[in-house]
């Protein structure tokens, strides 16, 4: 069980690091501008906003699991 959990966490972290969070329209608008710093900032912000709810749900799930066991 512990190895499966470690594998899941590793795959999740690897996927989040390499994923692109922008929709097609946002990407098209931001790539048409000069420089990619604004696009990278928007992408990092979207990823940050997306990860927080997953962390909270995982924490609550862990607390429920720990209390039931």
PDB file of N, CA and C in Angstrom:
ATOM      1  N   UNK A   1       0.827  -1.194   0.000  1.00  0.00           N
ATOM      2  CA  UNK A   1       0.000   0.000   0.000  1.00  0.00           C
ATOM      3  C   UNK A   1       0.867   1.252   0.000  1.00  0.00           C
ATOM      4  N   UNK A   2       1.925   1.241   0.810  1.00  0.00           N
ATOM      5  CA  UNK A   2       2.773   2.422   0.909  1.00  0.00           C
ATOM      6  C   UNK A   2       3.517   2.676  -0.399  1.00  0.00           C
ATOM      7  N   UNK A   3       3.955   1.613  -1.073  1.00  0.00           N
ATOM      8  CA  UNK A   3       4.659   1.790  -2.345  1.00  0.00           C
ATOM      9  C   UNK A   3       3.733   2.362  -3.407  1.00  0.00           C
ATOM     10  N   UNK A   4       2.482   1.931  -3.402  1.00  0.00           N
ATOM     11  CA  UNK A   4       1.535   2.465  -4.375  1.00  0.00           C
ATOM     12  C   UNK A   4       1.273   3.942  -4.127  1.00  0.00           C
ATOM     13  N   UNK A   5       1.185   4.328  -2.859  1.00  0.00           N
ATOM     14  CA  UNK A   5       0.972   5.730  -2.526  1.00  0.00           C
ATOM     15  C   UNK A   5       2.173   6.569  -2.941  1.00  0.00           C
ATOM     16  N   UNK A   6       3.369   6.077  -2.676  1.00  0.00           N
ATOM     17  CA  UNK A   6       4.580   6.805  -3.071  1.00  0.00           C
ATOM     18  C   UNK A   6       4.647   6.950  -4.586  1.00  0.00           C
ATOM     19  N   UNK A   7       4.297   5.898  -5.313  1.00  0.00           N
ATOM     20  CA  UNK A   7       4.301   5.957  -6.768  1.00  0.00           C
ATOM     21  C   UNK A   7       3.283   6.974  -7.268  1.00  0.00           C
ATOM     22  N   UNK A   8       2.092   6.982  -6.689  1.00  0.00           N
ATOM     23  CA  UNK A   8       1.051   7.923  -7.083  1.00  0.00           C
ATOM     24  C   UNK A   8       1.492   9.368  -6.846  1.00  0.00           C
ATOM     25  N   UNK A   9       2.102   9.625  -5.699  1.00  0.00           N
ATOM     26  CA  UNK A   9       2.577  10.980  -5.392  1.00  0.00           C
ATOM     27  C   UNK A   9       3.665  11.390  -6.370  1.00  0.00           C
ATOM     28  N   UNK A  10       4.587  10.499  -6.679  1.00  0.00           N
ATOM     29  CA  UNK A  10       5.664  10.802  -7.612  1.00  0.00           C
ATOM     30  C   UNK A  10       5.124  11.113  -9.004  1.00  0.00           C
ATOM     31  N   UNK A  11       4.187  10.308  -9.483  1.00  0.00           N
ATOM     32  CA  UNK A  11       3.603  10.537 -10.804  1.00  0.00           C
ATOM     33  C   UNK A  11       2.817  11.843 -10.824  1.00  0.00           C
ATOM     34  N   UNK A  12       2.093  12.135  -9.761  1.00  0.00           N
ATOM     35  CA  UNK A  12       1.318  13.373  -9.694  1.00  0.00           C
ATOM     36  C   UNK A  12       2.225  14.589  -9.730  1.00  0.00           C
ATOM     37  N   UNK A  13       3.299  14.563  -8.971  1.00  0.00           N
ATOM     38  CA  UNK A  13       4.232  15.697  -8.957  1.00  0.00           C
ATOM     39  C   UNK A  13       4.892  15.862 -10.318  1.00  0.00           C
ATOM     40  N   UNK A  14       5.299  14.769 -10.933  1.00  0.00           N
ATOM     41  CA  UNK A  14       5.927  14.840 -12.249  1.00  0.00           C
ATOM     42  C   UNK A  14       4.968  15.371 -13.298  1.00  0.00           C
ATOM     43  N   UNK A  15       3.709  15.027 -13.197  1.00  0.00           N
ATOM     44  CA  UNK A  15       2.717  15.487 -14.162  1.00  0.00           C
ATOM     45  C   UNK A  15       2.423  16.970 -13.985  1.00  0.00           C
ATOM     46  N   UNK A  16       2.315  17.420 -12.758  1.00  0.00           N
ATOM     47  CA  UNK A  16       2.012  18.827 -12.496  1.00  0.00           C
ATOM     48  C   UNK A  16       3.154  19.713 -12.962  1.00  0.00           C
ATOM     49  N   UNK A  17       4.383  19.277 -12.773  1.00  0.00           N
ATOM     50  CA  UNK A  17       5.536  20.084 -13.150  1.00  0.00           C
ATOM     51  C   UNK A  17       5.601  20.277 -14.654  1.00  0.00           C
ATOM     52  N   UNK A  18       5.236  19.266 -15.433  1.00  0.00           N
ATOM     53  CA  UNK A  18       5.375  19.349 -16.882  1.00  0.00           C
ATOM     54  C   UNK A  18       4.098  19.755 -17.601  1.00  0.00           C
ATOM     55  N   UNK A  19       3.011  19.983 -16.888  1.00  0.00           N
ATOM     56  CA  UNK A  19       1.750  20.280 -17.558  1.00  0.00           C
ATOM     57  C   UNK A  19       1.646  21.764 -17.919  1.00  0.00           C
ATOM     58  N   UNK A  20       0.857  22.034 -18.930  1.00  0.00           N
ATOM     59  CA  UNK A  20       0.557  23.394 -19.339  1.00  0.00           C
ATOM     60  C   UNK A  20      -0.903  23.658 -19.004  1.00  0.00           C
ATOM     61  N   UNK A  21      -1.166  24.734 -18.287  1.00  0.00           N
ATOM     62  CA  UNK A  21      -2.504  24.955 -17.750  1.00  0.00           C
ATOM     63  C   UNK A  21      -3.366  25.870 -18.594  1.00  0.00           C
ATOM     64  N   UNK A  22      -2.831  26.459 -19.610  1.00  0.00           N
ATOM     65  CA  UNK A  22      -3.596  27.440 -20.359  1.00  0.00           C
ATOM     66  C   UNK A  22      -4.540  26.766 -21.340  1.00  0.00           C
ATOM     67  N   UNK A  23      -5.690  27.403 -21.517  1.00  0.00           N
ATOM     68  CA  UNK A  23      -6.597  26.935 -22.549  1.00  0.00           C
ATOM     69  C   UNK A  23      -6.055  27.390 -23.908  1.00  0.00           C
ATOM     70  N   UNK A  24      -6.642  26.916 -24.964  1.00  0.00           N
ATOM     71  CA  UNK A  24      -6.143  27.235 -26.299  1.00  0.00           C
ATOM     72  C   UNK A  24      -6.243  28.731 -26.606  1.00  0.00           C
ATOM     73  N   UNK A  25      -7.316  29.378 -26.179  1.00  0.00           N
ATOM     74  CA  UNK A  25      -7.488  30.807 -26.455  1.00  0.00           C
ATOM     75  C   UNK A  25      -6.470  31.648 -25.686  1.00  0.00           C
ATOM     76  N   UNK A  26      -6.274  31.335 -24.413  1.00  0.00           N
ATOM     77  CA  UNK A  26      -5.297  32.088 -23.619  1.00  0.00           C
ATOM     78  C   UNK A  26      -3.905  31.927 -24.197  1.00  0.00           C
ATOM     79  N   UNK A  27      -3.567  30.723 -24.593  1.00  0.00           N
ATOM     80  CA  UNK A  27      -2.238  30.472 -25.153  1.00  0.00           C
ATOM     81  C   UNK A  27      -2.048  31.244 -26.452  1.00  0.00           C
ATOM     82  N   UNK A  28      -3.052  31.260 -27.317  1.00  0.00           N
ATOM     83  CA  UNK A  28      -2.936  31.951 -28.596  1.00  0.00           C
ATOM     84  C   UNK A  28      -2.731  33.451 -28.390  1.00  0.00           C
ATOM     85  N   UNK A  29      -3.444  34.039 -27.453  1.00  0.00           N
ATOM     86  CA  UNK A  29      -3.312  35.478 -27.199  1.00  0.00           C
ATOM     87  C   UNK A  29      -1.948  35.793 -26.599  1.00  0.00           C
ATOM     88  N   UNK A  30      -1.509  34.996 -25.633  1.00  0.00           N
ATOM     89  CA  UNK A  30      -0.248  35.278 -24.965  1.00  0.00           C
ATOM     90  C   UNK A  30       0.967  34.972 -25.830  1.00  0.00           C
ATOM     91  N   UNK A  31       0.881  33.983 -26.720  1.00  0.00           N
ATOM     92  CA  UNK A  31       2.018  33.670 -27.582  1.00  0.00           C
ATOM     93  C   UNK A  31       2.160  34.672 -28.714  1.00  0.00           C
ATOM     94  N   UNK A  32       1.110  35.397 -29.044  1.00  0.00           N
ATOM     95  CA  UNK A  32       1.196  36.379 -30.116  1.00  0.00           C
ATOM     96  C   UNK A  32       1.942  37.636 -29.670  1.00  0.00           C
ATOM     97  N   UNK A  33       2.092  37.830 -28.368  1.00  0.00           N
ATOM     98  CA  UNK A  33       2.815  38.984 -27.855  1.00  0.00           C
ATOM     99  C   UNK A  33       4.310  38.703 -27.817  1.00  0.00           C
ATOM    100  N   UNK A  34       5.109  39.766 -27.764  1.00  0.00           N
ATOM    101  CA  UNK A  34       6.563  39.625 -27.675  1.00  0.00           C
ATOM    102  C   UNK A  34       6.954  39.166 -26.280  1.00  0.00           C
ATOM    103  N   UNK A  35       7.892  38.239 -26.210  1.00  0.00           N
ATOM    104  CA  UNK A  35       8.370  37.754 -24.918  1.00  0.00           C
ATOM    105  C   UNK A  35       7.427  36.719 -24.330  1.00  0.00           C
ATOM    106  N   UNK A  36       7.983  35.773 -23.615  1.00  0.00           N
ATOM    107  CA  UNK A  36       7.169  34.703 -23.056  1.00  0.00           C
ATOM    108  C   UNK A  36       7.021  34.833 -21.542  1.00  0.00           C
ATOM    109  N   UNK A  37       7.501  35.924 -20.961  1.00  0.00           N
ATOM    110  CA  UNK A  37       7.447  36.052 -19.506  1.00  0.00           C
ATOM    111  C   UNK A  37       6.012  36.182 -19.010  1.00  0.00           C
ATOM    112  N   UNK A  38       5.189  36.895 -19.719  1.00  0.00           N
ATOM    113  CA  UNK A  38       3.798  37.042 -19.300  1.00  0.00           C
ATOM    114  C   UNK A  38       3.060  35.710 -19.422  1.00  0.00           C
ATOM    115  N   UNK A  39       3.330  34.956 -20.476  1.00  0.00           N
ATOM    116  CA  UNK A  39       2.687  33.652 -20.646  1.00  0.00           C
ATOM    117  C   UNK A  39       3.120  32.696 -19.544  1.00  0.00           C
ATOM    118  N   UNK A  40       4.383  32.710 -19.167  1.00  0.00           N
ATOM    119  CA  UNK A  40       4.864  31.847 -18.088  1.00  0.00           C
ATOM    120  C   UNK A  40       4.222  32.238 -16.766  1.00  0.00           C
ATOM    121  N   UNK A  41       4.058  33.530 -16.525  1.00  0.00           N
ATOM    122  CA  UNK A  41       3.419  33.994 -15.294  1.00  0.00           C
ATOM    123  C   UNK A  41       1.965  33.562 -15.213  1.00  0.00           C
ATOM    124  N   UNK A  42       1.245  33.688 -16.310  1.00  0.00           N
ATOM    125  CA  UNK A  42      -0.159  33.259 -16.348  1.00  0.00           C
ATOM    126  C   UNK A  42      -0.247  31.746 -16.131  1.00  0.00           C
ATOM    127  N   UNK A  43       0.637  30.992 -16.780  1.00  0.00           N
ATOM    128  CA  UNK A  43       0.630  29.536 -16.648  1.00  0.00           C
ATOM    129  C   UNK A  43       0.922  29.119 -15.217  1.00  0.00           C
ATOM    130  N   UNK A  44       1.886  29.742 -14.573  1.00  0.00           N
ATOM    131  CA  UNK A  44       2.201  29.422 -13.182  1.00  0.00           C
ATOM    132  C   UNK A  44       1.042  29.778 -12.255  1.00  0.00           C
ATOM    133  N   UNK A  45       0.380  30.882 -12.502  1.00  0.00           N
ATOM    134  CA  UNK A  45      -0.764  31.280 -11.688  1.00  0.00           C
ATOM    135  C   UNK A  45      -1.919  30.314 -11.810  1.00  0.00           C
ATOM    136  N   UNK A  46      -2.198  29.861 -13.016  1.00  0.00           N
ATOM    137  CA  UNK A  46      -3.281  28.897 -13.226  1.00  0.00           C
ATOM    138  C   UNK A  46      -2.950  27.584 -12.531  1.00  0.00           C
ATOM    139  N   UNK A  47      -1.704  27.151 -12.654  1.00  0.00           N
ATOM    140  CA  UNK A  47      -1.295  25.901 -11.998  1.00  0.00           C
ATOM    141  C   UNK A  47      -1.416  26.029 -10.489  1.00  0.00           C
ATOM    142  N   UNK A  48      -1.000  27.147  -9.932  1.00  0.00           N
ATOM    143  CA  UNK A  48      -1.101  27.379  -8.496  1.00  0.00           C
ATOM    144  C   UNK A  48      -2.555  27.321  -8.032  1.00  0.00           C
ATOM    145  N   UNK A  49      -3.445  27.980  -8.757  1.00  0.00           N
ATOM    146  CA  UNK A  49      -4.859  27.975  -8.388  1.00  0.00           C
ATOM    147  C   UNK A  49      -5.490  26.595  -8.550  1.00  0.00           C
ATOM    148  N   UNK A  50      -4.978  25.793  -9.468  1.00  0.00           N
ATOM    149  CA  UNK A  50      -5.525  24.467  -9.708  1.00  0.00           C
ATOM    150  C   UNK A  50      -5.073  23.460  -8.648  1.00  0.00           C
ATOM    151  N   UNK A  51      -3.870  23.602  -8.128  1.00  0.00           N
ATOM    152  CA  UNK A  51      -3.298  22.614  -7.217  1.00  0.00           C
ATOM    153  C   UNK A  51      -3.883  22.728  -5.811  1.00  0.00           C
ATOM    154  N   UNK A  52      -4.195  23.907  -5.343  1.00  0.00           N
ATOM    155  CA  UNK A  52      -4.655  24.115  -3.971  1.00  0.00           C
ATOM    156  C   UNK A  52      -5.898  23.280  -3.631  1.00  0.00           C
ATOM    157  N   UNK A  53      -6.953  23.254  -4.449  1.00  0.00           N
ATOM    158  CA  UNK A  53      -8.109  22.416  -4.088  1.00  0.00           C
ATOM    159  C   UNK A  53      -7.770  20.924  -3.993  1.00  0.00           C
ATOM    160  N   UNK A  54      -6.888  20.445  -4.855  1.00  0.00           N
ATOM    161  CA  UNK A  54      -6.493  19.038  -4.794  1.00  0.00           C
ATOM    162  C   UNK A  54      -5.748  18.733  -3.504  1.00  0.00           C
ATOM    163  N   UNK A  55      -4.912  19.632  -3.071  1.00  0.00           N
ATOM    164  CA  UNK A  55      -4.191  19.430  -1.812  1.00  0.00           C
ATOM    165  C   UNK A  55      -5.169  19.400  -0.648  1.00  0.00           C
ATOM    166  N   UNK A  56      -6.138  20.303  -0.641  1.00  0.00           N
ATOM    167  CA  UNK A  56      -7.131  20.324   0.434  1.00  0.00           C
ATOM    168  C   UNK A  56      -7.970  19.053   0.463  1.00  0.00           C
ATOM    169  N   UNK A  57      -8.405  18.581  -0.698  1.00  0.00           N
ATOM    170  CA  UNK A  57      -9.204  17.354  -0.760  1.00  0.00           C
ATOM    171  C   UNK A  57      -8.367  16.159  -0.308  1.00  0.00           C
ATOM    172  N   UNK A  58      -7.101  16.109  -0.712  1.00  0.00           N
ATOM    173  CA  UNK A  58      -6.230  15.012  -0.285  1.00  0.00           C
ATOM    174  C   UNK A  58      -6.029  15.039   1.223  1.00  0.00           C
ATOM    175  N   UNK A  59      -5.856  16.209   1.789  1.00  0.00           N
ATOM    176  CA  UNK A  59      -5.669  16.329   3.234  1.00  0.00           C
ATOM    177  C   UNK A  59      -6.911  15.877   3.990  1.00  0.00           C
ATOM    178  N   UNK A  60      -8.078  16.314   3.532  1.00  0.00           N
ATOM    179  CA  UNK A  60      -9.328  15.911   4.184  1.00  0.00           C
ATOM    180  C   UNK A  60      -9.530  14.403   4.042  1.00  0.00           C
ATOM    181  N   UNK A  61      -9.240  13.858   2.872  1.00  0.00           N
ATOM    182  CA  UNK A  61      -9.344  12.413   2.677  1.00  0.00           C
ATOM    183  C   UNK A  61      -8.405  11.648   3.588  1.00  0.00           C
ATOM    184  N   UNK A  62      -7.201  12.154   3.771  1.00  0.00           N
ATOM    185  CA  UNK A  62      -6.247  11.508   4.666  1.00  0.00           C
ATOM    186  C   UNK A  62      -6.732  11.559   6.112  1.00  0.00           C
ATOM    187  N   UNK A  63      -7.286  12.687   6.523  1.00  0.00           N
ATOM    188  CA  UNK A  63      -7.789  12.808   7.888  1.00  0.00           C
ATOM    189  C   UNK A  63      -8.953  11.838   8.129  1.00  0.00           C
ATOM    190  N   UNK A  64      -9.853  11.708   7.169  1.00  0.00           N
ATOM    191  CA  UNK A  64     -10.963  10.769   7.298  1.00  0.00           C
ATOM    192  C   UNK A  64     -10.429   9.340   7.357  1.00  0.00           C
ATOM    193  N   UNK A  65      -9.476   9.024   6.505  1.00  0.00           N
ATOM    194  CA  UNK A  65      -8.878   7.681   6.499  1.00  0.00           C
ATOM    195  C   UNK A  65      -8.212   7.382   7.838  1.00  0.00           C
ATOM    196  N   UNK A  66      -7.472   8.342   8.349  1.00  0.00           N
ATOM    197  CA  UNK A  66      -6.755   8.140   9.617  1.00  0.00           C
ATOM    198  C   UNK A  66      -7.735   7.987  10.784  1.00  0.00           C
ATOM    199  N   UNK A  67      -8.821   8.732  10.787  1.00  0.00           N
ATOM    200  CA  UNK A  67      -9.802   8.639  11.882  1.00  0.00           C
ATOM    201  C   UNK A  67     -10.595   7.331  11.827  1.00  0.00           C
ATOM    202  N   UNK A  68     -10.818   6.786  10.659  1.00  0.00           N
ATOM    203  CA  UNK A  68     -11.567   5.533  10.538  1.00  0.00           C
ATOM    204  C   UNK A  68     -10.723   4.311  10.835  1.00  0.00           C
ATOM    205  N   UNK A  69      -9.425   4.439  10.674  1.00  0.00           N
ATOM    206  CA  UNK A  69      -8.554   3.283  10.874  1.00  0.00           C
ATOM    207  C   UNK A  69      -8.223   3.052  12.320  1.00  0.00           C
TER     208      UNK A  69
END
